[in-house]
Amino acid sequence: MDNYIVETKKLAKIFKDFKAVKNIDLKVKAGSIYGFLGPNGAGKSTTIRMLLGLIKPTSGEVKVFGKSIEDQREEILKNVGALVESPSYYGHLTAYENLEITRKVLKLNKLEIDRVLDFVGLSEVKDKKVKEFSLGMKQRLGIAQALMGDPKLIILDEPTNGLDPAGIQEIRELIKSLPRKKGITVIVSSHILSEIELMSDEVGIIKKGELLYQGTIESLRGNNNSKILVGVSNRLGTLELLRKRGYRVKEEKGKLCVAAEGLSASKLCKELVLSGVEVNYLSEDKKSLEDIFLSLTMEEEVC
């Protein structure tokens, strides 16, 4: 039986007449990096705020560590760190001084500050004013703040937003190290597939408040909706033949477009030839992971 750190049931949020989140069932396994993926405005931040108890759901349920966020929020949040949208800091204070404020609020040992600064690679600049930090350093400070108290779960909302490629790589490697080195479960949201693909064990894809897919990257690749283009002499007759055999097929630019759905080009060719169809053109168009993501989030038509 899977051990879920976070689980939602029919979670929904309505703002006046706008349905921001629509009955989603998230399942985040312990010790994993869960990539929460979707275009800007898809409902990611609203969902994250409900997971943290910052806003109340219109309906549905949120459980973290098997406990209800509505009934046991204070107890749950003792073991949760979060970075929502952008890190909160005082620019005129140093990195150490910013974390000292967090330490006092959480009533932690002073050694905790040095521990998290060392982990995110900011020990050497701990006495530097945060207003002099690069954006990447500020993001790392935000993650350090979220790690105060050694949480079991950390939630990061668009942690690489606005960073340059080097900064993105730094944050990505830092996030990947959290389950491996600290045993921390991570939920990380983003609108960039390539970013999530490089760090996540499982993904949830959300669009217009609806959870369109949840599972591994490998399974997502398996649902690749590739298509096979076939050129034949008798298009209408072949179209009817394939439809009778249960294939999804349509005409496209003078050829037949067949939804692959586990069907290989060689198998289709053999089947047509054995049926007496003269095949004069055949090609298979396999979708990349990026194509699959776009087809889900942009309603791209495939056959």
C-alpha atoms as a PDB file:
ATOM      1  CA  MET A   1       0.000   0.000   0.000  1.00  0.00           C
ATOM      2  CA  ASP A   2       1.368   3.396  -0.993  1.00  0.00           C
ATOM      3  CA  ASN A   3       2.336   5.767   1.792  1.00  0.00           C
ATOM      4  CA  TYR A   4       0.994   9.183   0.821  1.00  0.00           C
ATOM      5  CA  ILE A   5       2.377  12.252   2.583  1.00  0.00           C
ATOM      6  CA  VAL A   6      -0.212  14.479   0.877  1.00  0.00           C
ATOM      7  CA  GLU A   7      -3.606  13.347  -0.353  1.00  0.00           C
ATOM      8  CA  THR A   8      -6.582  15.380  -1.510  1.00  0.00           C
ATOM      9  CA  LYS A   9     -10.090  14.194  -2.276  1.00  0.00           C
ATOM     10  CA  LYS A  10     -12.381  16.139  -4.595  1.00  0.00           C
ATOM     11  CA  LEU A  11     -10.553  19.351  -3.695  1.00  0.00           C
ATOM     12  CA  ALA A  12     -12.232  22.415  -5.196  1.00  0.00           C
ATOM     13  CA  LYS A  13     -12.036  26.195  -4.903  1.00  0.00           C
ATOM     14  CA  ILE A  14     -14.493  28.701  -6.338  1.00  0.00           C
ATOM     15  CA  PHE A  15     -13.940  32.460  -6.266  1.00  0.00           C
ATOM     16  CA  LYS A  16     -17.364  34.019  -6.874  1.00  0.00           C
ATOM     17  CA  ASP A  17     -18.260  32.543 -10.294  1.00  0.00           C
ATOM     18  CA  PHE A  18     -14.732  31.366 -11.170  1.00  0.00           C
ATOM     19  CA  LYS A  19     -13.805  27.713 -10.573  1.00  0.00           C
ATOM     20  CA  ALA A  20     -10.065  27.889  -9.870  1.00  0.00           C
ATOM     21  CA  VAL A  21      -9.674  24.240  -8.809  1.00  0.00           C
ATOM     22  CA  LYS A  22     -12.088  21.488  -9.818  1.00  0.00           C
ATOM     23  CA  ASN A  23     -12.357  18.345  -7.692  1.00  0.00           C
ATOM     24  CA  ILE A  24      -8.730  17.216  -7.860  1.00  0.00           C
ATOM     25  CA  ASP A  25      -7.298  14.127  -6.172  1.00  0.00           C
ATOM     26  CA  LEU A  26      -3.572  14.591  -5.541  1.00  0.00           C
ATOM     27  CA  LYS A  27      -1.479  11.714  -4.220  1.00  0.00           C
ATOM     28  CA  VAL A  28       2.096  12.504  -3.171  1.00  0.00           C
ATOM     29  CA  LYS A  29       4.257   9.575  -2.061  1.00  0.00           C
ATOM     30  CA  ALA A  30       6.643   9.800   0.874  1.00  0.00           C
ATOM     31  CA  GLY A  31      10.267  10.477  -0.104  1.00  0.00           C
ATOM     32  CA  SER A  32       9.401  11.560  -3.647  1.00  0.00           C
ATOM     33  CA  ILE A  33       9.707  14.745  -5.677  1.00  0.00           C
ATOM     34  CA  TYR A  34       6.238  15.497  -7.027  1.00  0.00           C
ATOM     35  CA  GLY A  35       6.178  17.886  -9.959  1.00  0.00           C
ATOM     36  CA  PHE A  36       3.005  19.964 -10.091  1.00  0.00           C
ATOM     37  CA  LEU A  37       2.890  21.118 -13.679  1.00  0.00           C
ATOM     38  CA  GLY A  38       0.633  23.419 -15.634  1.00  0.00           C
ATOM     39  CA  PRO A  39       0.413  26.728 -17.530  1.00  0.00           C
ATOM     40  CA  ASN A  40       0.295  30.005 -15.639  1.00  0.00           C
ATOM     41  CA  GLY A  41      -3.186  30.448 -14.203  1.00  0.00           C
ATOM     42  CA  ALA A  42      -3.918  26.719 -14.203  1.00  0.00           C
ATOM     43  CA  GLY A  43      -4.666  26.594 -10.472  1.00  0.00           C
ATOM     44  CA  LYS A  44      -1.275  25.488  -9.093  1.00  0.00           C
ATOM     45  CA  SER A  45      -0.804  28.297  -6.559  1.00  0.00           C
ATOM     46  CA  THR A  46      -4.419  28.096  -5.388  1.00  0.00           C
ATOM     47  CA  THR A  47      -4.005  24.366  -4.786  1.00  0.00           C
ATOM     48  CA  ILE A  48      -0.750  24.901  -2.893  1.00  0.00           C
ATOM     49  CA  ARG A  49      -2.385  27.529  -0.680  1.00  0.00           C
ATOM     50  CA  MET A  50      -5.119  25.028   0.180  1.00  0.00           C
ATOM     51  CA  LEU A  51      -2.510  22.350   0.971  1.00  0.00           C
ATOM     52  CA  LEU A  52      -0.929  24.781   3.437  1.00  0.00           C
ATOM     53  CA  GLY A  53      -4.243  25.895   4.916  1.00  0.00           C
ATOM     54  CA  LEU A  54      -3.691  29.482   3.744  1.00  0.00           C
ATOM     55  CA  ILE A  55      -7.096  29.488   2.057  1.00  0.00           C
ATOM     56  CA  LYS A  56     -10.083  27.273   2.712  1.00  0.00           C
ATOM     57  CA  PRO A  57     -11.380  24.946   0.001  1.00  0.00           C
ATOM     58  CA  THR A  58     -14.908  25.412  -1.253  1.00  0.00           C
ATOM     59  CA  SER A  59     -15.293  21.661  -0.989  1.00  0.00           C
ATOM     60  CA  GLY A  60     -13.193  18.528  -0.660  1.00  0.00           C
ATOM     61  CA  GLU A  61     -10.533  17.385   1.755  1.00  0.00           C
ATOM     62  CA  VAL A  62      -6.778  17.864   2.293  1.00  0.00           C
ATOM     63  CA  LYS A  63      -4.764  15.371   4.310  1.00  0.00           C
ATOM     64  CA  VAL A  64      -1.082  15.855   5.133  1.00  0.00           C
ATOM     65  CA  PHE A  65       0.709  13.091   7.085  1.00  0.00           C
ATOM     66  CA  GLY A  66      -2.706  11.425   7.226  1.00  0.00           C
ATOM     67  CA  LYS A  67      -4.172  14.375   9.179  1.00  0.00           C
ATOM     68  CA  SER A  68      -6.808  16.893   8.120  1.00  0.00           C
ATOM     69  CA  ILE A  69      -5.376  20.339   7.362  1.00  0.00           C
ATOM     70  CA  GLU A  70      -8.672  21.843   8.499  1.00  0.00           C
ATOM     71  CA  ASP A  71      -8.619  20.222  11.944  1.00  0.00           C
ATOM     72  CA  GLN A  72      -4.894  19.855  12.666  1.00  0.00           C
ATOM     73  CA  ARG A  73      -3.223  22.657  10.691  1.00  0.00           C
ATOM     74  CA  GLU A  74      -0.911  23.861  13.459  1.00  0.00           C
ATOM     75  CA  GLU A  75       0.385  20.361  14.176  1.00  0.00           C
ATOM     76  CA  ILE A  76       0.878  19.621  10.461  1.00  0.00           C
ATOM     77  CA  LEU A  77       2.736  22.853   9.691  1.00  0.00           C
ATOM     78  CA  LYS A  78       5.367  22.093  12.335  1.00  0.00           C
ATOM     79  CA  ASN A  79       6.705  19.555   9.839  1.00  0.00           C
ATOM     80  CA  VAL A  80       6.140  21.531   6.620  1.00  0.00           C
ATOM     81  CA  GLY A  81       8.369  24.122   4.955  1.00  0.00           C
ATOM     82  CA  ALA A  82       7.191  26.264   2.050  1.00  0.00           C
ATOM     83  CA  LEU A  83       8.340  28.807  -0.493  1.00  0.00           C
ATOM     84  CA  VAL A  84       5.282  30.268  -2.184  1.00  0.00           C
ATOM     85  CA  GLU A  85       5.931  32.415  -5.279  1.00  0.00           C
ATOM     86  CA  SER A  86       8.893  34.492  -4.012  1.00  0.00           C
ATOM     87  CA  PRO A  87      10.981  34.343  -0.836  1.00  0.00           C
ATOM     88  CA  SER A  88      10.094  36.685   2.014  1.00  0.00           C
ATOM     89  CA  TYR A  89      13.112  38.548   3.386  1.00  0.00           C
ATOM     90  CA  TYR A  90      14.358  41.899   4.703  1.00  0.00           C
ATOM     91  CA  GLY A  91      16.817  43.346   2.195  1.00  0.00           C
ATOM     92  CA  HIS A  92      18.626  45.551   4.708  1.00  0.00           C
ATOM     93  CA  LEU A  93      19.414  42.539   6.912  1.00  0.00           C
ATOM     94  CA  THR A  94      21.995  39.819   6.298  1.00  0.00           C
ATOM     95  CA  ALA A  95      21.136  36.233   5.408  1.00  0.00           C
ATOM     96  CA  TYR A  96      21.946  35.187   8.962  1.00  0.00           C
ATOM     97  CA  GLU A  97      19.798  37.946  10.466  1.00  0.00           C
ATOM     98  CA  ASN A  98      16.840  37.017   8.265  1.00  0.00           C
ATOM     99  CA  LEU A  99      17.043  33.400   9.389  1.00  0.00           C
ATOM    100  CA  GLU A 100      17.458  34.509  13.010  1.00  0.00           C
ATOM    101  CA  ILE A 101      13.969  36.026  12.805  1.00  0.00           C
ATOM    102  CA  THR A 102      12.584  32.714  11.534  1.00  0.00           C
ATOM    103  CA  ARG A 103      14.515  30.831  14.235  1.00  0.00           C
ATOM    104  CA  LYS A 104      12.987  32.928  17.006  1.00  0.00           C
ATOM    105  CA  VAL A 105       9.463  32.501  15.623  1.00  0.00           C
ATOM    106  CA  LEU A 106       9.926  28.714  15.442  1.00  0.00           C
ATOM    107  CA  LYS A 107      11.829  28.619  18.756  1.00  0.00           C
ATOM    108  CA  LEU A 108      14.752  26.666  17.306  1.00  0.00           C
ATOM    109  CA  ASN A 109      18.359  26.201  18.368  1.00  0.00           C
ATOM    110  CA  LYS A 110      20.820  28.754  16.942  1.00  0.00           C
ATOM    111  CA  LEU A 111      22.763  25.900  15.300  1.00  0.00           C
ATOM    112  CA  GLU A 112      19.814  25.480  12.945  1.00  0.00           C
ATOM    113  CA  ILE A 113      20.785  28.656  11.062  1.00  0.00           C
ATOM    114  CA  ASP A 114      24.298  27.432  10.259  1.00  0.00           C
ATOM    115  CA  ARG A 115      22.912  24.019   9.293  1.00  0.00           C
ATOM    116  CA  VAL A 116      20.525  25.335   6.641  1.00  0.00           C
ATOM    117  CA  LEU A 117      22.959  27.976   5.341  1.00  0.00           C
ATOM    118  CA  ASP A 118      25.569  25.273   4.835  1.00  0.00           C
ATOM    119  CA  PHE A 119      23.077  23.003   3.090  1.00  0.00           C
ATOM    120  CA  VAL A 120      22.037  25.642   0.532  1.00  0.00           C
ATOM    121  CA  GLY A 121      25.604  26.876   0.022  1.00  0.00           C
ATOM    122  CA  LEU A 122      25.267  30.338   1.573  1.00  0.00           C
ATOM    123  CA  SER A 123      27.599  29.979   4.581  1.00  0.00           C
ATOM    124  CA  GLU A 124      30.287  32.172   3.043  1.00  0.00           C
ATOM    125  CA  VAL A 125      27.861  35.056   2.436  1.00  0.00           C
ATOM    126  CA  LYS A 126      25.809  34.764   5.632  1.00  0.00           C
ATOM    127  CA  ASP A 127      26.906  38.251   6.761  1.00  0.00           C
ATOM    128  CA  LYS A 128      26.107  39.898   3.425  1.00  0.00           C
ATOM    129  CA  LYS A 129      22.983  42.054   3.113  1.00  0.00           C
ATOM    130  CA  VAL A 130      20.269  40.241   1.179  1.00  0.00           C
ATOM    131  CA  LYS A 131      19.615  43.260  -1.068  1.00  0.00           C
ATOM    132  CA  GLU A 132      23.060  42.572  -2.549  1.00  0.00           C
ATOM    133  CA  PHE A 133      22.185  38.942  -3.369  1.00  0.00           C
ATOM    134  CA  SER A 134      21.539  37.681  -6.887  1.00  0.00           C
ATOM    135  CA  LEU A 135      18.049  36.283  -7.574  1.00  0.00           C
ATOM    136  CA  GLY A 136      19.406  32.735  -7.361  1.00  0.00           C
ATOM    137  CA  MET A 137      20.960  33.442  -3.950  1.00  0.00           C
ATOM    138  CA  LYS A 138      17.651  34.896  -2.752  1.00  0.00           C
ATOM    139  CA  GLN A 139      15.864  31.737  -3.890  1.00  0.00           C
ATOM    140  CA  ARG A 140      18.378  29.588  -2.013  1.00  0.00           C
ATOM    141  CA  LEU A 141      17.831  31.737   1.073  1.00  0.00           C
ATOM    142  CA  GLY A 142      14.087  31.178   0.695  1.00  0.00           C
ATOM    143  CA  ILE A 143      14.674  27.422   0.558  1.00  0.00           C
ATOM    144  CA  ALA A 144      16.962  27.673   3.607  1.00  0.00           C
ATOM    145  CA  GLN A 145      14.141  29.435   5.436  1.00  0.00           C
ATOM    146  CA  ALA A 146      11.712  26.662   4.408  1.00  0.00           C
ATOM    147  CA  LEU A 147      14.174  24.042   5.724  1.00  0.00           C
ATOM    148  CA  MET A 148      14.344  25.562   9.204  1.00  0.00           C
ATOM    149  CA  GLY A 149      13.207  23.012  11.769  1.00  0.00           C
ATOM    150  CA  ASP A 150      14.036  20.024   9.530  1.00  0.00           C
ATOM    151  CA  PRO A 151      10.568  19.545   7.970  1.00  0.00           C
ATOM    152  CA  LYS A 152       9.344  16.242   6.534  1.00  0.00           C
ATOM    153  CA  LEU A 153       7.628  17.992   3.600  1.00  0.00           C
ATOM    154  CA  ILE A 154       8.662  21.058   1.629  1.00  0.00           C
ATOM    155  CA  ILE A 155       6.434  22.824  -0.919  1.00  0.00           C
ATOM    156  CA  LEU A 156       8.071  25.080  -3.510  1.00  0.00           C
ATOM    157  CA  ASP A 157       5.934  27.221  -5.811  1.00  0.00           C
ATOM    158  CA  GLU A 158       7.806  28.142  -9.036  1.00  0.00           C
ATOM    159  CA  PRO A 159      11.230  28.147  -7.292  1.00  0.00           C
ATOM    160  CA  THR A 160      13.203  28.791 -10.496  1.00  0.00           C
ATOM    161  CA  ASN A 161      10.975  31.568 -11.838  1.00  0.00           C
ATOM    162  CA  GLY A 162      13.074  34.364 -13.364  1.00  0.00           C
ATOM    163  CA  LEU A 163      16.421  32.628 -12.916  1.00  0.00           C
ATOM    164  CA  ASP A 164      19.088  32.324 -15.588  1.00  0.00           C
ATOM    165  CA  PRO A 165      20.128  28.807 -16.780  1.00  0.00           C
ATOM    166  CA  ALA A 166      22.944  28.577 -14.222  1.00  0.00           C
ATOM    167  CA  GLY A 167      20.612  29.608 -11.405  1.00  0.00           C
ATOM    168  CA  ILE A 168      17.977  27.109 -12.540  1.00  0.00           C
ATOM    169  CA  GLN A 169      20.529  24.297 -12.472  1.00  0.00           C
ATOM    170  CA  GLU A 170      21.693  25.273  -8.974  1.00  0.00           C
ATOM    171  CA  ILE A 171      18.160  25.249  -7.573  1.00  0.00           C
ATOM    172  CA  ARG A 172      17.310  22.030  -9.431  1.00  0.00           C
ATOM    173  CA  GLU A 173      20.295  20.181  -7.947  1.00  0.00           C
ATOM    174  CA  LEU A 174      19.459  21.534  -4.507  1.00  0.00           C
ATOM    175  CA  ILE A 175      15.870  20.281  -4.778  1.00  0.00           C
ATOM    176  CA  LYS A 176      16.993  16.859  -6.024  1.00  0.00           C
ATOM    177  CA  SER A 177      19.257  16.489  -2.994  1.00  0.00           C
ATOM    178  CA  LEU A 178      16.446  16.991  -0.461  1.00  0.00           C
ATOM    179  CA  PRO A 179      14.943  13.448  -0.540  1.00  0.00           C
ATOM    180  CA  ARG A 180      18.355  11.835  -1.015  1.00  0.00           C
ATOM    181  CA  LYS A 181      20.239  13.648   1.744  1.00  0.00           C
ATOM    182  CA  LYS A 182      17.438  14.661   4.112  1.00  0.00           C
ATOM    183  CA  GLY A 183      14.586  12.244   3.421  1.00  0.00           C
ATOM    184  CA  ILE A 184      12.328  15.205   2.696  1.00  0.00           C
ATOM    185  CA  THR A 185       9.301  14.835   0.419  1.00  0.00           C
ATOM    186  CA  VAL A 186       9.092  17.694  -2.097  1.00  0.00           C
ATOM    187  CA  ILE A 187       6.203  19.218  -4.027  1.00  0.00           C
ATOM    188  CA  VAL A 188       7.512  21.605  -6.665  1.00  0.00           C
ATOM    189  CA  SER A 189       5.288  23.545  -9.045  1.00  0.00           C
ATOM    190  CA  SER A 190       6.299  24.907 -12.430  1.00  0.00           C
ATOM    191  CA  HIS A 191       4.935  25.773 -15.856  1.00  0.00           C
ATOM    192  CA  ILE A 192       8.097  24.451 -17.553  1.00  0.00           C
ATOM    193  CA  LEU A 193       8.020  20.755 -18.442  1.00  0.00           C
ATOM    194  CA  SER A 194      11.764  20.333 -19.025  1.00  0.00           C
ATOM    195  CA  GLU A 195      12.445  21.625 -15.522  1.00  0.00           C
ATOM    196  CA  ILE A 196      10.021  19.196 -13.865  1.00  0.00           C
ATOM    197  CA  GLU A 197      11.160  16.293 -16.057  1.00  0.00           C
ATOM    198  CA  LEU A 198      14.751  16.596 -14.797  1.00  0.00           C
ATOM    199  CA  MET A 199      13.907  16.431 -11.100  1.00  0.00           C
ATOM    200  CA  SER A 200      10.555  14.731 -10.482  1.00  0.00           C
ATOM    201  CA  ASP A 201       9.617  11.126  -9.706  1.00  0.00           C
ATOM    202  CA  GLU A 202       5.945  11.721 -10.444  1.00  0.00           C
ATOM    203  CA  VAL A 203       3.971  14.564 -11.967  1.00  0.00           C
ATOM    204  CA  GLY A 204       0.505  15.999 -11.772  1.00  0.00           C
ATOM    205  CA  ILE A 205      -0.594  18.068 -14.780  1.00  0.00           C
ATOM    206  CA  ILE A 206      -3.281  20.665 -14.146  1.00  0.00           C
ATOM    207  CA  LYS A 207      -5.122  22.865 -16.622  1.00  0.00           C
ATOM    208  CA  LYS A 208      -7.967  25.283 -15.896  1.00  0.00           C
ATOM    209  CA  GLY A 209      -8.286  23.753 -12.435  1.00  0.00           C
ATOM    210  CA  GLU A 210      -8.593  20.149 -13.662  1.00  0.00           C
ATOM    211  CA  LEU A 211      -6.024  17.423 -12.974  1.00  0.00           C
ATOM    212  CA  LEU A 212      -5.449  15.959 -16.440  1.00  0.00           C
ATOM    213  CA  TYR A 213      -2.720  13.466 -15.565  1.00  0.00           C
ATOM    214  CA  GLN A 214      -1.018  12.049 -12.494  1.00  0.00           C
ATOM    215  CA  GLY A 215       1.729   9.453 -12.539  1.00  0.00           C
ATOM    216  CA  THR A 216       5.298   8.828 -13.616  1.00  0.00           C
ATOM    217  CA  ILE A 217       7.084  10.524 -16.501  1.00  0.00           C
ATOM    218  CA  GLU A 218       7.558   7.072 -18.059  1.00  0.00           C
ATOM    219  CA  SER A 219       3.807   6.421 -18.043  1.00  0.00           C
ATOM    220  CA  LEU A 220       3.196   9.851 -19.537  1.00  0.00           C
ATOM    221  CA  ARG A 221       5.572   8.988 -22.370  1.00  0.00           C
ATOM    222  CA  GLY A 222       3.622   5.762 -22.864  1.00  0.00           C
ATOM    223  CA  ASN A 223       0.478   7.808 -23.504  1.00  0.00           C
ATOM    224  CA  ASN A 224       2.227   9.450 -26.413  1.00  0.00           C
ATOM    225  CA  ASN A 225      -0.667   9.687 -28.888  1.00  0.00           C
ATOM    226  CA  SER A 226       1.699   9.172 -31.803  1.00  0.00           C
ATOM    227  CA  LYS A 227       0.225   8.886 -35.281  1.00  0.00           C
ATOM    228  CA  ILE A 228       0.974   6.990 -38.461  1.00  0.00           C
ATOM    229  CA  LEU A 229       0.560   8.681 -41.835  1.00  0.00           C
ATOM    230  CA  VAL A 230      -0.330   6.363 -44.698  1.00  0.00           C
ATOM    231  CA  GLY A 231      -0.483   7.085 -48.411  1.00  0.00           C
ATOM    232  CA  VAL A 232      -2.679   4.664 -50.371  1.00  0.00           C
ATOM    233  CA  SER A 233      -4.274   4.566 -53.823  1.00  0.00           C
ATOM    234  CA  ASN A 234      -7.804   3.981 -52.542  1.00  0.00           C
ATOM    235  CA  ARG A 235      -8.171   6.394 -49.631  1.00  0.00           C
ATOM    236  CA  LEU A 236     -11.924   6.099 -49.111  1.00  0.00           C
ATOM    237  CA  GLY A 237     -11.906   2.296 -49.224  1.00  0.00           C
ATOM    238  CA  THR A 238      -8.932   2.076 -46.854  1.00  0.00           C
ATOM    239  CA  LEU A 239     -10.493   4.640 -44.521  1.00  0.00           C
ATOM    240  CA  GLU A 240     -13.623   2.518 -44.259  1.00  0.00           C
ATOM    241  CA  LEU A 241     -11.565  -0.665 -43.781  1.00  0.00           C
ATOM    242  CA  LEU A 242      -9.540   0.779 -40.890  1.00  0.00           C
ATOM    243  CA  ARG A 243     -12.576   2.255 -39.168  1.00  0.00           C
ATOM    244  CA  LYS A 244     -14.365  -1.110 -39.336  1.00  0.00           C
ATOM    245  CA  ARG A 245     -11.350  -2.636 -37.591  1.00  0.00           C
ATOM    246  CA  GLY A 246     -11.640  -0.128 -34.756  1.00  0.00           C
ATOM    247  CA  TYR A 247      -8.849   2.297 -35.624  1.00  0.00           C
ATOM    248  CA  ARG A 248      -9.167   6.056 -35.141  1.00  0.00           C
ATOM    249  CA  VAL A 249      -8.383   7.438 -38.560  1.00  0.00           C
ATOM    250  CA  LYS A 250      -9.069  10.526 -40.643  1.00  0.00           C
ATOM    251  CA  GLU A 251      -7.887  12.132 -43.869  1.00  0.00           C
ATOM    252  CA  GLU A 252      -5.085  14.647 -43.528  1.00  0.00           C
ATOM    253  CA  LYS A 253      -3.422  16.443 -46.443  1.00  0.00           C
ATOM    254  CA  GLY A 254      -4.122  13.695 -48.946  1.00  0.00           C
ATOM    255  CA  LYS A 255      -3.060  10.885 -46.587  1.00  0.00           C
ATOM    256  CA  LEU A 256      -4.674   8.838 -43.853  1.00  0.00           C
ATOM    257  CA  CYS A 257      -3.765   9.712 -40.285  1.00  0.00           C
ATOM    258  CA  VAL A 258      -4.062   6.714 -37.949  1.00  0.00           C
ATOM    259  CA  ALA A 259      -3.837   7.133 -34.166  1.00  0.00           C
ATOM    260  CA  ALA A 260      -1.093   4.705 -33.127  1.00  0.00           C
ATOM    261  CA  GLU A 261      -2.379   3.774 -29.627  1.00  0.00           C
ATOM    262  CA  GLY A 262       0.032   0.836 -29.286  1.00  0.00           C
ATOM    263  CA  LEU A 263       0.059   0.164 -33.023  1.00  0.00           C
ATOM    264  CA  SER A 264       3.437   0.126 -34.809  1.00  0.00           C
ATOM    265  CA  ALA A 265       3.955   1.344 -38.376  1.00  0.00           C
ATOM    266  CA  SER A 266       5.246  -2.081 -39.461  1.00  0.00           C
ATOM    267  CA  LYS A 267       2.193  -3.864 -38.063  1.00  0.00           C
ATOM    268  CA  LEU A 268      -0.185  -1.445 -39.803  1.00  0.00           C
ATOM    269  CA  CYS A 269       1.690  -1.804 -43.088  1.00  0.00           C
ATOM    270  CA  LYS A 270       1.534  -5.618 -42.903  1.00  0.00           C
ATOM    271  CA  GLU A 271      -2.183  -5.524 -42.086  1.00  0.00           C
ATOM    272  CA  LEU A 272      -2.951  -3.256 -45.034  1.00  0.00           C
ATOM    273  CA  VAL A 273      -0.853  -5.250 -47.518  1.00  0.00           C
ATOM    274  CA  LEU A 274      -2.468  -8.522 -46.422  1.00  0.00           C
ATOM    275  CA  SER A 275      -5.843  -6.856 -46.989  1.00  0.00           C
ATOM    276  CA  GLY A 276      -4.859  -6.069 -50.565  1.00  0.00           C
ATOM    277  CA  VAL A 277      -4.221  -2.352 -50.014  1.00  0.00           C
ATOM    278  CA  GLU A 278      -1.465  -0.787 -52.093  1.00  0.00           C
ATOM    279  CA  VAL A 279       0.678   1.262 -49.682  1.00  0.00           C
ATOM    280  CA  ASN A 280       2.847   3.900 -51.351  1.00  0.00           C
ATOM    281  CA  TYR A 281       3.767   6.005 -48.326  1.00  0.00           C
ATOM    282  CA  LEU A 282       4.078   5.350 -44.601  1.00  0.00           C
ATOM    283  CA  SER A 283       5.639   7.298 -41.721  1.00  0.00           C
ATOM    284  CA  GLU A 284       5.310   7.329 -37.943  1.00  0.00           C
ATOM    285  CA  ASP A 285       5.139  10.627 -36.078  1.00  0.00           C
ATOM    286  CA  LYS A 286       6.177   9.977 -32.467  1.00  0.00           C
ATOM    287  CA  LYS A 287       5.429  12.738 -30.010  1.00  0.00           C
ATOM    288  CA  SER A 288       8.079  14.101 -27.696  1.00  0.00           C
ATOM    289  CA  LEU A 289       7.273  14.626 -24.021  1.00  0.00           C
ATOM    290  CA  GLU A 290       6.922  18.337 -24.778  1.00  0.00           C
ATOM    291  CA  ASP A 291       4.392  17.529 -27.515  1.00  0.00           C
ATOM    292  CA  ILE A 292       2.413  15.331 -25.114  1.00  0.00           C
ATOM    293  CA  PHE A 293       2.345  18.102 -22.517  1.00  0.00           C
ATOM    294  CA  LEU A 294       1.204  20.643 -25.106  1.00  0.00           C
ATOM    295  CA  SER A 295      -1.472  18.277 -26.411  1.00  0.00           C
ATOM    296  CA  LEU A 296      -2.851  17.995 -22.865  1.00  0.00           C
ATOM    297  CA  THR A 297      -2.654  21.656 -21.929  1.00  0.00           C
ATOM    298  CA  MET A 298      -3.377  23.266 -25.303  1.00  0.00           C
ATOM    299  CA  GLU A 299      -5.941  20.786 -26.621  1.00  0.00           C
ATOM    300  CA  GLU A 300      -3.863  19.881 -29.624  1.00  0.00           C
ATOM    301  CA  GLU A 301      -5.793  17.523 -31.886  1.00  0.00           C
ATOM    302  CA  VAL A 302      -4.260  14.148 -32.695  1.00  0.00           C
ATOM    303  CA  CYS A 303      -6.206  12.309 -35.375  1.00  0.00           C
END
